[in-house]
Amino acid sequence: MKAGTIALLGNIAPALVFYVVNHFWGLRPAVVTTLVFTAFEIIRLKKSGKPIGKLFIFTVVMTLVFSTLDLIFAKGLFVRLEPVVTNVISAGMFGYMAYDPSMLIEAIAQIGKADQFDHPDRLFLVRANMVLWAIYLIGKAAVYFQYNMHHSIEKDLAFRMVVGNASLAGMVVVSILFSRIIYRAFYRFELLPSQRLK
């Protein structure tokens, strides 16, 4: 496995640890394990002199906040609202990265792909995609809220699995096409950052 891939996985490792432990042993052991793992990872990074990335911090906060809410509310209202809140917060993260892409650039730099942002047009397209993803996540949150408030938890979970996966796959295709379309449109009207700098 390449060092860059390991670095990127390291940023989301707390979420992966939580998912695996939660799957096999339950929510409470997952929260405790994630806390212990995160503490050791921070100590390891500090001792090696490596910086603690924004994406790592975001992953830890998101994982622990939602797992704690799951513990507090158990099978109540939060189970219905969790996908709504998760999507809204994720949309906020994408919106923030569109405004200030430093978190994304930092994560890409760790896998040795920072040169992809050397050209202003590429950064512009990535930021435009961040806005598109934020809109998608807000829309998905609205659909989940509408459905979840009127159906059983079992139907909610099935709906999320089918609609969530299908819409995500569709969104990946739309995102790729969107990049091409917006690039061509902006290039034609000379609105790309590189064209405006001339």
N, C-alpha and C. Protein backbone atom coordinates (compact mmCIF):
# COMPACT_ATOMS: atom_id res chain seq x y z
N MET A 1 0.85 -1.20 0.00
CA MET A 1 0.00 0.00 0.00
C MET A 1 0.88 1.24 0.00
N LYS A 2 0.56 2.19 -0.86
CA LYS A 2 1.38 3.39 -0.96
C LYS A 2 1.28 4.23 0.31
N ALA A 3 2.37 4.98 0.57
CA ALA A 3 2.41 5.82 1.78
C ALA A 3 1.31 6.86 1.76
N GLY A 4 0.99 7.39 0.58
CA GLY A 4 -0.07 8.39 0.46
C GLY A 4 -1.42 7.86 0.86
N THR A 5 -1.70 6.61 0.44
CA THR A 5 -2.98 5.97 0.79
C THR A 5 -3.07 5.75 2.28
N ILE A 6 -1.95 5.32 2.89
CA ILE A 6 -1.91 5.10 4.34
C ILE A 6 -2.17 6.41 5.08
N ALA A 7 -1.58 7.50 4.57
CA ALA A 7 -1.77 8.82 5.20
C ALA A 7 -3.22 9.24 5.14
N LEU A 8 -3.86 9.01 3.98
CA LEU A 8 -5.27 9.39 3.83
C LEU A 8 -6.15 8.54 4.73
N LEU A 9 -5.86 7.23 4.81
CA LEU A 9 -6.64 6.35 5.69
C LEU A 9 -6.44 6.74 7.15
N GLY A 10 -5.23 7.24 7.48
CA GLY A 10 -4.97 7.68 8.85
C GLY A 10 -5.88 8.80 9.27
N ASN A 11 -6.27 9.65 8.33
CA ASN A 11 -7.17 10.76 8.64
C ASN A 11 -8.57 10.30 9.02
N ILE A 12 -9.01 9.18 8.42
CA ILE A 12 -10.36 8.69 8.70
C ILE A 12 -10.34 7.45 9.59
N ALA A 13 -9.16 7.11 10.12
CA ALA A 13 -9.01 5.91 10.96
C ALA A 13 -9.96 5.87 12.15
N PRO A 14 -10.18 6.99 12.88
CA PRO A 14 -11.12 6.92 14.01
C PRO A 14 -12.51 6.44 13.61
N ALA A 15 -12.98 6.90 12.45
CA ALA A 15 -14.30 6.47 11.97
C ALA A 15 -14.29 4.98 11.61
N LEU A 16 -13.19 4.51 11.03
CA LEU A 16 -13.08 3.09 10.66
C LEU A 16 -13.05 2.21 11.91
N VAL A 17 -12.27 2.65 12.91
CA VAL A 17 -12.20 1.91 14.18
C VAL A 17 -13.59 1.83 14.82
N PHE A 18 -14.27 2.97 14.86
CA PHE A 18 -15.61 3.01 15.44
C PHE A 18 -16.55 2.05 14.71
N TYR A 19 -16.51 2.08 13.37
CA TYR A 19 -17.43 1.25 12.58
C TYR A 19 -17.21 -0.23 12.85
N VAL A 20 -15.95 -0.66 12.84
CA VAL A 20 -15.63 -2.08 13.02
C VAL A 20 -16.03 -2.56 14.42
N VAL A 21 -15.64 -1.80 15.45
CA VAL A 21 -15.96 -2.19 16.83
C VAL A 21 -17.47 -2.17 17.07
N ASN A 22 -18.13 -1.16 16.56
CA ASN A 22 -19.58 -1.05 16.71
C ASN A 22 -20.28 -2.23 16.04
N HIS A 23 -19.78 -2.63 14.88
CA HIS A 23 -20.39 -3.74 14.13
C HIS A 23 -20.32 -5.05 14.91
N PHE A 24 -19.17 -5.32 15.54
CA PHE A 24 -18.97 -6.61 16.20
C PHE A 24 -19.31 -6.62 17.68
N TRP A 25 -19.12 -5.49 18.38
CA TRP A 25 -19.28 -5.48 19.83
C TRP A 25 -20.27 -4.46 20.37
N GLY A 26 -20.78 -3.58 19.54
CA GLY A 26 -21.78 -2.64 20.01
C GLY A 26 -21.29 -1.21 20.17
N LEU A 27 -22.22 -0.34 20.52
CA LEU A 27 -21.98 1.10 20.53
C LEU A 27 -21.04 1.55 21.64
N ARG A 28 -21.29 1.10 22.87
CA ARG A 28 -20.46 1.56 24.00
C ARG A 28 -18.99 1.17 23.84
N PRO A 29 -18.69 -0.11 23.53
CA PRO A 29 -17.27 -0.45 23.29
C PRO A 29 -16.66 0.34 22.14
N ALA A 30 -17.48 0.66 21.14
CA ALA A 30 -16.98 1.42 19.99
C ALA A 30 -16.58 2.83 20.39
N VAL A 31 -17.38 3.47 21.24
CA VAL A 31 -17.06 4.83 21.70
C VAL A 31 -15.76 4.81 22.51
N VAL A 32 -15.65 3.86 23.46
CA VAL A 32 -14.46 3.78 24.31
C VAL A 32 -13.22 3.48 23.46
N THR A 33 -13.33 2.52 22.55
CA THR A 33 -12.20 2.15 21.70
C THR A 33 -11.75 3.32 20.83
N THR A 34 -12.73 4.05 20.29
CA THR A 34 -12.40 5.20 19.45
C THR A 34 -11.68 6.28 20.24
N LEU A 35 -12.13 6.52 21.48
CA LEU A 35 -11.47 7.50 22.34
C LEU A 35 -10.03 7.09 22.63
N VAL A 36 -9.84 5.83 22.97
CA VAL A 36 -8.49 5.32 23.28
C VAL A 36 -7.61 5.39 22.04
N PHE A 37 -8.14 4.92 20.91
CA PHE A 37 -7.37 4.95 19.66
C PHE A 37 -6.96 6.38 19.29
N THR A 38 -7.91 7.31 19.41
CA THR A 38 -7.64 8.71 19.08
C THR A 38 -6.56 9.29 19.98
N ALA A 39 -6.63 8.99 21.27
CA ALA A 39 -5.61 9.49 22.22
C ALA A 39 -4.23 8.98 21.85
N PHE A 40 -4.13 7.67 21.56
CA PHE A 40 -2.83 7.10 21.17
C PHE A 40 -2.33 7.67 19.84
N GLU A 41 -3.26 7.90 18.91
CA GLU A 41 -2.87 8.44 17.60
C GLU A 41 -2.35 9.88 17.74
N ILE A 42 -2.99 10.67 18.60
CA ILE A 42 -2.53 12.05 18.83
C ILE A 42 -1.14 12.04 19.48
N ILE A 43 -0.96 11.14 20.46
CA ILE A 43 0.36 11.02 21.11
C ILE A 43 1.42 10.61 20.10
N ARG A 44 1.09 9.64 19.22
CA ARG A 44 2.03 9.18 18.20
C ARG A 44 2.42 10.30 17.24
N LEU A 45 1.42 11.08 16.82
CA LEU A 45 1.68 12.18 15.90
C LEU A 45 2.55 13.25 16.55
N LYS A 46 2.26 13.54 17.82
CA LYS A 46 3.04 14.56 18.54
C LYS A 46 4.50 14.11 18.72
N LYS A 47 4.69 12.83 19.08
CA LYS A 47 6.05 12.33 19.29
C LYS A 47 6.86 12.30 18.00
N SER A 48 6.19 12.00 16.89
CA SER A 48 6.90 11.93 15.60
C SER A 48 7.04 13.30 14.95
N GLY A 49 6.43 14.32 15.57
CA GLY A 49 6.54 15.68 15.04
C GLY A 49 5.66 15.95 13.84
N LYS A 50 4.71 15.05 13.58
CA LYS A 50 3.81 15.22 12.44
C LYS A 50 2.61 16.08 12.86
N PRO A 51 2.09 16.90 11.94
CA PRO A 51 0.93 17.74 12.29
C PRO A 51 -0.36 16.93 12.38
N ILE A 52 -1.27 17.39 13.20
CA ILE A 52 -2.59 16.76 13.29
C ILE A 52 -3.48 17.47 12.27
N GLY A 53 -3.89 16.74 11.24
CA GLY A 53 -4.64 17.32 10.12
C GLY A 53 -6.06 17.72 10.49
N LYS A 54 -6.58 18.69 9.77
CA LYS A 54 -7.96 19.15 10.00
C LYS A 54 -8.97 18.05 9.71
N LEU A 55 -8.69 17.23 8.68
CA LEU A 55 -9.60 16.14 8.34
C LEU A 55 -9.66 15.10 9.45
N PHE A 56 -8.52 14.82 10.09
CA PHE A 56 -8.46 13.90 11.22
C PHE A 56 -9.31 14.43 12.37
N ILE A 57 -9.13 15.71 12.69
CA ILE A 57 -9.91 16.34 13.78
C ILE A 57 -11.39 16.29 13.48
N PHE A 58 -11.76 16.61 12.23
CA PHE A 58 -13.17 16.61 11.84
C PHE A 58 -13.76 15.20 11.98
N THR A 59 -13.00 14.18 11.54
CA THR A 59 -13.46 12.80 11.63
C THR A 59 -13.70 12.39 13.08
N VAL A 60 -12.76 12.74 13.95
CA VAL A 60 -12.89 12.40 15.37
C VAL A 60 -14.12 13.07 15.97
N VAL A 61 -14.26 14.36 15.73
CA VAL A 61 -15.40 15.11 16.30
C VAL A 61 -16.73 14.55 15.82
N MET A 62 -16.85 14.35 14.51
CA MET A 62 -18.10 13.82 13.95
C MET A 62 -18.42 12.45 14.52
N THR A 63 -17.43 11.58 14.56
CA THR A 63 -17.64 10.21 15.06
C THR A 63 -18.10 10.22 16.51
N LEU A 64 -17.41 10.98 17.35
CA LEU A 64 -17.73 10.98 18.78
C LEU A 64 -19.03 11.71 19.09
N VAL A 65 -19.30 12.79 18.38
CA VAL A 65 -20.55 13.52 18.63
C VAL A 65 -21.76 12.64 18.31
N PHE A 66 -21.74 12.01 17.14
CA PHE A 66 -22.89 11.21 16.76
C PHE A 66 -23.00 9.91 17.55
N SER A 67 -21.88 9.32 17.92
CA SER A 67 -21.95 8.11 18.73
C SER A 67 -22.47 8.44 20.13
N THR A 68 -22.08 9.58 20.67
CA THR A 68 -22.58 10.01 21.98
C THR A 68 -24.08 10.27 21.94
N LEU A 69 -24.53 10.94 20.87
CA LEU A 69 -25.97 11.18 20.72
C LEU A 69 -26.73 9.88 20.59
N ASP A 70 -26.15 8.90 19.89
CA ASP A 70 -26.78 7.59 19.79
C ASP A 70 -26.92 6.95 21.17
N LEU A 71 -25.88 7.09 22.00
CA LEU A 71 -25.93 6.53 23.35
C LEU A 71 -27.01 7.19 24.20
N ILE A 72 -27.10 8.52 24.08
CA ILE A 72 -28.06 9.28 24.90
C ILE A 72 -29.49 8.97 24.50
N PHE A 73 -29.74 9.00 23.18
CA PHE A 73 -31.12 8.87 22.70
C PHE A 73 -31.51 7.45 22.33
N ALA A 74 -30.54 6.53 22.32
CA ALA A 74 -30.79 5.12 22.01
C ALA A 74 -31.65 4.98 20.76
N LYS A 75 -32.84 4.40 20.89
CA LYS A 75 -33.67 4.13 19.71
C LYS A 75 -34.80 5.15 19.55
N GLY A 76 -34.64 6.30 20.10
CA GLY A 76 -35.69 7.30 20.04
C GLY A 76 -35.65 8.18 18.81
N LEU A 77 -35.98 9.43 19.01
CA LEU A 77 -36.11 10.38 17.91
C LEU A 77 -34.81 10.56 17.14
N PHE A 78 -33.68 10.49 17.84
CA PHE A 78 -32.42 10.76 17.16
C PHE A 78 -32.11 9.74 16.06
N VAL A 79 -32.59 8.50 16.23
CA VAL A 79 -32.37 7.49 15.19
C VAL A 79 -33.00 7.97 13.88
N ARG A 80 -34.15 8.63 13.98
CA ARG A 80 -34.81 9.17 12.79
C ARG A 80 -34.10 10.41 12.26
N LEU A 81 -33.60 11.22 13.19
CA LEU A 81 -32.99 12.49 12.78
C LEU A 81 -31.50 12.38 12.44
N GLU A 82 -30.86 11.28 12.84
CA GLU A 82 -29.42 11.14 12.63
C GLU A 82 -29.00 11.33 11.17
N PRO A 83 -29.66 10.65 10.19
CA PRO A 83 -29.22 10.85 8.80
C PRO A 83 -29.46 12.27 8.31
N VAL A 84 -30.49 12.91 8.85
CA VAL A 84 -30.78 14.30 8.47
C VAL A 84 -29.67 15.21 8.98
N VAL A 85 -29.37 15.09 10.26
CA VAL A 85 -28.33 15.92 10.88
C VAL A 85 -26.97 15.65 10.25
N THR A 86 -26.65 14.36 10.02
CA THR A 86 -25.37 13.99 9.41
C THR A 86 -25.20 14.63 8.05
N ASN A 87 -26.24 14.58 7.24
CA ASN A 87 -26.17 15.16 5.89
C ASN A 87 -26.08 16.68 5.93
N VAL A 88 -26.77 17.30 6.87
CA VAL A 88 -26.71 18.77 6.98
C VAL A 88 -25.31 19.20 7.40
N ILE A 89 -24.73 18.50 8.39
CA ILE A 89 -23.38 18.85 8.85
C ILE A 89 -22.36 18.58 7.75
N SER A 90 -22.52 17.47 7.04
CA SER A 90 -21.61 17.16 5.92
C SER A 90 -21.73 18.22 4.83
N ALA A 91 -22.96 18.68 4.58
CA ALA A 91 -23.16 19.75 3.60
C ALA A 91 -22.44 21.02 4.06
N GLY A 92 -22.50 21.29 5.36
CA GLY A 92 -21.78 22.44 5.89
C GLY A 92 -20.28 22.31 5.70
N MET A 93 -19.76 21.07 5.87
CA MET A 93 -18.33 20.84 5.68
C MET A 93 -17.94 21.09 4.21
N PHE A 94 -18.75 20.58 3.28
CA PHE A 94 -18.47 20.80 1.86
C PHE A 94 -18.56 22.29 1.51
N GLY A 95 -19.56 22.96 2.09
CA GLY A 95 -19.69 24.39 1.86
C GLY A 95 -18.50 25.16 2.39
N TYR A 96 -18.01 24.74 3.56
CA TYR A 96 -16.83 25.39 4.14
C TYR A 96 -15.60 25.16 3.26
N MET A 97 -15.46 23.93 2.74
CA MET A 97 -14.30 23.62 1.89
C MET A 97 -14.38 24.37 0.55
N ALA A 98 -15.61 24.69 0.11
CA ALA A 98 -15.73 25.50 -1.10
C ALA A 98 -15.27 26.92 -0.83
N TYR A 99 -15.58 27.40 0.38
CA TYR A 99 -15.18 28.76 0.77
C TYR A 99 -13.69 28.82 1.09
N ASP A 100 -13.22 27.81 1.86
CA ASP A 100 -11.82 27.75 2.27
C ASP A 100 -11.33 26.30 2.09
N PRO A 101 -10.75 25.99 0.93
CA PRO A 101 -10.39 24.60 0.61
C PRO A 101 -9.13 24.08 1.30
N SER A 102 -8.63 24.76 2.31
CA SER A 102 -7.36 24.37 2.95
C SER A 102 -7.42 22.95 3.54
N MET A 103 -8.58 22.54 4.11
CA MET A 103 -8.70 21.20 4.68
C MET A 103 -8.53 20.14 3.59
N LEU A 104 -9.17 20.36 2.46
CA LEU A 104 -9.08 19.42 1.35
C LEU A 104 -7.67 19.39 0.77
N ILE A 105 -7.09 20.56 0.58
CA ILE A 105 -5.74 20.65 0.02
C ILE A 105 -4.73 19.95 0.95
N GLU A 106 -4.93 20.11 2.25
CA GLU A 106 -4.04 19.47 3.24
C GLU A 106 -4.12 17.95 3.12
N ALA A 107 -5.36 17.42 2.99
CA ALA A 107 -5.53 15.97 2.86
C ALA A 107 -4.93 15.46 1.55
N ILE A 108 -5.11 16.21 0.47
CA ILE A 108 -4.55 15.81 -0.83
C ILE A 108 -3.03 15.88 -0.79
N ALA A 109 -2.50 16.88 -0.11
CA ALA A 109 -1.04 17.04 -0.02
C ALA A 109 -0.42 15.83 0.69
N GLN A 110 -1.15 15.28 1.67
CA GLN A 110 -0.63 14.14 2.43
C GLN A 110 -0.50 12.89 1.56
N ILE A 111 -1.27 12.82 0.46
CA ILE A 111 -1.15 11.65 -0.42
C ILE A 111 -0.31 12.00 -1.66
N GLY A 112 0.37 13.15 -1.60
CA GLY A 112 1.30 13.51 -2.66
C GLY A 112 0.67 14.00 -3.94
N LYS A 113 -0.53 14.56 -3.85
CA LYS A 113 -1.23 15.04 -5.04
C LYS A 113 -1.47 16.54 -5.01
N ALA A 114 -0.70 17.26 -4.22
CA ALA A 114 -0.90 18.70 -4.08
C ALA A 114 -0.71 19.44 -5.40
N ASP A 115 0.09 18.84 -6.31
CA ASP A 115 0.33 19.50 -7.59
C ASP A 115 -0.93 19.66 -8.41
N GLN A 116 -1.98 18.87 -8.07
CA GLN A 116 -3.25 18.99 -8.79
C GLN A 116 -3.91 20.35 -8.56
N PHE A 117 -3.48 21.04 -7.50
CA PHE A 117 -4.07 22.34 -7.19
C PHE A 117 -3.18 23.50 -7.64
N ASP A 118 -2.11 23.18 -8.36
CA ASP A 118 -1.21 24.23 -8.82
C ASP A 118 -1.89 25.18 -9.80
N HIS A 119 -2.82 24.64 -10.58
CA HIS A 119 -3.50 25.45 -11.58
C HIS A 119 -4.80 26.02 -11.00
N PRO A 120 -5.04 27.33 -11.13
CA PRO A 120 -6.24 27.93 -10.52
C PRO A 120 -7.55 27.37 -11.06
N ASP A 121 -7.56 26.91 -12.32
CA ASP A 121 -8.79 26.37 -12.89
C ASP A 121 -9.19 25.06 -12.22
N ARG A 122 -8.20 24.24 -11.87
CA ARG A 122 -8.50 22.97 -11.20
C ARG A 122 -9.08 23.22 -9.82
N LEU A 123 -8.50 24.16 -9.10
CA LEU A 123 -9.02 24.50 -7.77
C LEU A 123 -10.44 25.05 -7.88
N PHE A 124 -10.68 25.86 -8.91
CA PHE A 124 -12.01 26.42 -9.14
C PHE A 124 -13.04 25.30 -9.36
N LEU A 125 -12.68 24.30 -10.19
CA LEU A 125 -13.59 23.19 -10.48
C LEU A 125 -13.87 22.36 -9.23
N VAL A 126 -12.84 22.16 -8.41
CA VAL A 126 -13.02 21.40 -7.17
C VAL A 126 -13.95 22.16 -6.23
N ARG A 127 -13.76 23.46 -6.13
CA ARG A 127 -14.61 24.27 -5.25
C ARG A 127 -16.06 24.28 -5.75
N ALA A 128 -16.24 24.34 -7.07
CA ALA A 128 -17.59 24.28 -7.65
C ALA A 128 -18.24 22.95 -7.32
N ASN A 129 -17.44 21.87 -7.36
CA ASN A 129 -17.96 20.55 -7.02
C ASN A 129 -18.34 20.46 -5.55
N MET A 130 -17.59 21.14 -4.69
CA MET A 130 -17.93 21.16 -3.27
C MET A 130 -19.31 21.78 -3.05
N VAL A 131 -19.59 22.84 -3.79
CA VAL A 131 -20.91 23.49 -3.71
C VAL A 131 -21.99 22.53 -4.18
N LEU A 132 -21.73 21.83 -5.29
CA LEU A 132 -22.69 20.86 -5.83
C LEU A 132 -22.99 19.76 -4.81
N TRP A 133 -21.94 19.25 -4.16
CA TRP A 133 -22.13 18.20 -3.16
C TRP A 133 -22.89 18.72 -1.94
N ALA A 134 -22.64 19.96 -1.57
CA ALA A 134 -23.37 20.55 -0.44
C ALA A 134 -24.87 20.63 -0.75
N ILE A 135 -25.20 21.03 -1.98
CA ILE A 135 -26.60 21.11 -2.40
C ILE A 135 -27.25 19.71 -2.39
N TYR A 136 -26.50 18.74 -2.91
CA TYR A 136 -27.00 17.35 -2.92
C TYR A 136 -27.29 16.86 -1.51
N LEU A 137 -26.37 17.11 -0.58
CA LEU A 137 -26.54 16.63 0.79
C LEU A 137 -27.71 17.30 1.50
N ILE A 138 -27.90 18.59 1.24
CA ILE A 138 -29.06 19.29 1.81
C ILE A 138 -30.35 18.69 1.27
N GLY A 139 -30.37 18.42 -0.05
CA GLY A 139 -31.55 17.80 -0.67
C GLY A 139 -31.83 16.43 -0.09
N LYS A 140 -30.76 15.63 0.10
CA LYS A 140 -30.93 14.29 0.66
C LYS A 140 -31.43 14.36 2.10
N ALA A 141 -30.93 15.33 2.85
CA ALA A 141 -31.39 15.51 4.24
C ALA A 141 -32.89 15.82 4.26
N ALA A 142 -33.34 16.66 3.33
CA ALA A 142 -34.77 17.03 3.27
C ALA A 142 -35.62 15.81 2.93
N VAL A 143 -35.14 14.98 1.99
CA VAL A 143 -35.88 13.76 1.61
C VAL A 143 -35.94 12.80 2.78
N TYR A 144 -34.81 12.61 3.46
CA TYR A 144 -34.79 11.72 4.63
C TYR A 144 -35.75 12.21 5.71
N PHE A 145 -35.73 13.50 5.98
CA PHE A 145 -36.59 14.05 7.03
C PHE A 145 -38.06 13.79 6.70
N GLN A 146 -38.44 14.06 5.45
CA GLN A 146 -39.82 13.89 5.03
C GLN A 146 -40.24 12.43 5.16
N TYR A 147 -39.37 11.52 4.76
CA TYR A 147 -39.71 10.09 4.79
C TYR A 147 -39.67 9.54 6.22
N ASN A 148 -38.62 9.87 6.95
CA ASN A 148 -38.41 9.29 8.28
C ASN A 148 -39.49 9.65 9.29
N MET A 149 -40.08 10.83 9.13
CA MET A 149 -41.10 11.28 10.08
C MET A 149 -42.45 10.58 9.87
N HIS A 150 -42.57 9.84 8.77
CA HIS A 150 -43.87 9.24 8.46
C HIS A 150 -43.82 7.72 8.32
N HIS A 151 -42.69 7.10 8.63
CA HIS A 151 -42.56 5.66 8.48
C HIS A 151 -41.84 5.06 9.69
N SER A 152 -41.92 3.73 9.78
CA SER A 152 -41.26 3.04 10.89
C SER A 152 -39.75 3.10 10.73
N ILE A 153 -39.03 2.84 11.84
CA ILE A 153 -37.57 2.87 11.82
C ILE A 153 -37.03 1.81 10.85
N GLU A 154 -37.71 0.64 10.80
CA GLU A 154 -37.25 -0.42 9.89
C GLU A 154 -37.34 0.05 8.44
N LYS A 155 -38.45 0.69 8.09
CA LYS A 155 -38.60 1.21 6.72
C LYS A 155 -37.61 2.35 6.46
N ASP A 156 -37.36 3.15 7.50
CA ASP A 156 -36.38 4.24 7.36
C ASP A 156 -35.02 3.69 6.96
N LEU A 157 -34.58 2.64 7.67
CA LEU A 157 -33.27 2.05 7.41
C LEU A 157 -33.19 1.46 6.01
N ALA A 158 -34.26 0.78 5.59
CA ALA A 158 -34.28 0.20 4.24
C ALA A 158 -34.27 1.29 3.18
N PHE A 159 -35.04 2.34 3.44
CA PHE A 159 -35.10 3.48 2.50
C PHE A 159 -33.74 4.14 2.36
N ARG A 160 -33.08 4.36 3.50
CA ARG A 160 -31.76 4.99 3.48
C ARG A 160 -30.75 4.13 2.72
N MET A 161 -30.83 2.80 2.92
CA MET A 161 -29.87 1.91 2.26
C MET A 161 -30.04 1.97 0.74
N VAL A 162 -31.29 1.90 0.28
CA VAL A 162 -31.56 1.89 -1.16
C VAL A 162 -31.34 3.26 -1.77
N VAL A 163 -32.05 4.26 -1.23
CA VAL A 163 -31.99 5.61 -1.79
C VAL A 163 -30.61 6.24 -1.59
N GLY A 164 -30.05 6.03 -0.40
CA GLY A 164 -28.74 6.61 -0.11
C GLY A 164 -27.67 6.10 -1.06
N ASN A 165 -27.61 4.78 -1.25
CA ASN A 165 -26.59 4.20 -2.13
C ASN A 165 -26.83 4.55 -3.59
N ALA A 166 -28.09 4.49 -4.02
CA ALA A 166 -28.41 4.80 -5.42
C ALA A 166 -28.13 6.26 -5.73
N SER A 167 -28.55 7.16 -4.82
CA SER A 167 -28.35 8.58 -5.07
C SER A 167 -26.87 8.95 -5.02
N LEU A 168 -26.11 8.26 -4.15
CA LEU A 168 -24.67 8.53 -4.06
C LEU A 168 -23.97 8.12 -5.36
N ALA A 169 -24.33 6.95 -5.88
CA ALA A 169 -23.75 6.50 -7.15
C ALA A 169 -24.10 7.48 -8.27
N GLY A 170 -25.36 7.91 -8.29
CA GLY A 170 -25.79 8.88 -9.30
C GLY A 170 -25.07 10.20 -9.16
N MET A 171 -24.84 10.60 -7.91
CA MET A 171 -24.18 11.88 -7.66
C MET A 171 -22.74 11.87 -8.12
N VAL A 172 -22.07 10.73 -8.01
CA VAL A 172 -20.69 10.62 -8.48
C VAL A 172 -20.63 10.86 -9.98
N VAL A 173 -21.58 10.26 -10.71
CA VAL A 173 -21.65 10.45 -12.17
C VAL A 173 -21.96 11.91 -12.50
N VAL A 174 -22.94 12.48 -11.79
CA VAL A 174 -23.32 13.88 -12.02
C VAL A 174 -22.13 14.80 -11.74
N SER A 175 -21.40 14.51 -10.68
CA SER A 175 -20.25 15.33 -10.31
C SER A 175 -19.20 15.36 -11.41
N ILE A 176 -18.94 14.18 -12.00
CA ILE A 176 -17.95 14.09 -13.09
C ILE A 176 -18.44 14.87 -14.31
N LEU A 177 -19.71 14.68 -14.67
CA LEU A 177 -20.27 15.38 -15.83
C LEU A 177 -20.33 16.88 -15.57
N PHE A 178 -20.68 17.26 -14.34
CA PHE A 178 -20.78 18.66 -13.95
C PHE A 178 -19.45 19.37 -14.16
N SER A 179 -18.36 18.70 -13.76
CA SER A 179 -17.03 19.30 -13.92
C SER A 179 -16.74 19.60 -15.38
N ARG A 180 -17.08 18.65 -16.24
CA ARG A 180 -16.82 18.84 -17.67
C ARG A 180 -17.68 19.95 -18.25
N ILE A 181 -18.96 19.94 -17.87
CA ILE A 181 -19.90 20.94 -18.42
C ILE A 181 -19.53 22.34 -17.97
N ILE A 182 -19.27 22.50 -16.66
CA ILE A 182 -18.96 23.84 -16.15
C ILE A 182 -17.63 24.35 -16.70
N TYR A 183 -16.67 23.42 -16.90
CA TYR A 183 -15.39 23.83 -17.47
C TYR A 183 -15.58 24.36 -18.89
N ARG A 184 -16.33 23.62 -19.69
CA ARG A 184 -16.55 24.04 -21.08
C ARG A 184 -17.31 25.36 -21.15
N ALA A 185 -18.33 25.50 -20.29
CA ALA A 185 -19.14 26.72 -20.30
C ALA A 185 -18.31 27.93 -19.88
N PHE A 186 -17.56 27.77 -18.80
CA PHE A 186 -16.74 28.89 -18.32
C PHE A 186 -15.59 29.20 -19.28
N TYR A 187 -15.06 28.15 -19.92
CA TYR A 187 -13.98 28.37 -20.89
C TYR A 187 -14.51 29.14 -22.09
N ARG A 188 -15.68 28.78 -22.53
CA ARG A 188 -16.28 29.44 -23.71
C ARG A 188 -16.49 30.93 -23.48
N PHE A 189 -16.94 31.27 -22.29
CA PHE A 189 -17.22 32.69 -21.98
C PHE A 189 -16.05 33.37 -21.27
N GLU A 190 -14.90 32.68 -21.25
CA GLU A 190 -13.67 33.22 -20.67
C GLU A 190 -13.85 33.67 -19.22
N LEU A 191 -14.48 32.79 -18.44
CA LEU A 191 -14.74 33.10 -17.03
C LEU A 191 -13.88 32.28 -16.07
N LEU A 192 -13.03 31.40 -16.62
CA LEU A 192 -12.14 30.61 -15.75
C LEU A 192 -11.12 31.55 -15.09
N PRO A 193 -10.66 31.21 -13.89
CA PRO A 193 -9.70 32.06 -13.19
C PRO A 193 -8.46 32.39 -14.03
N SER A 194 -7.94 31.40 -14.75
CA SER A 194 -6.74 31.65 -15.57
C SER A 194 -7.03 32.64 -16.70
N GLN A 195 -8.25 32.64 -17.20
CA GLN A 195 -8.62 33.55 -18.28
C GLN A 195 -8.84 34.96 -17.76
N ARG A 196 -9.36 35.06 -16.53
CA ARG A 196 -9.61 36.38 -15.94
C ARG A 196 -8.31 37.06 -15.50
N LEU A 197 -7.26 36.22 -15.24
CA LEU A 197 -5.98 36.77 -14.79
C LEU A 197 -5.18 37.39 -15.93
N LYS A 198 -5.57 37.07 -17.15
CA LYS A 198 -4.82 37.59 -18.32
C LYS A 198 -5.00 39.11 -18.46
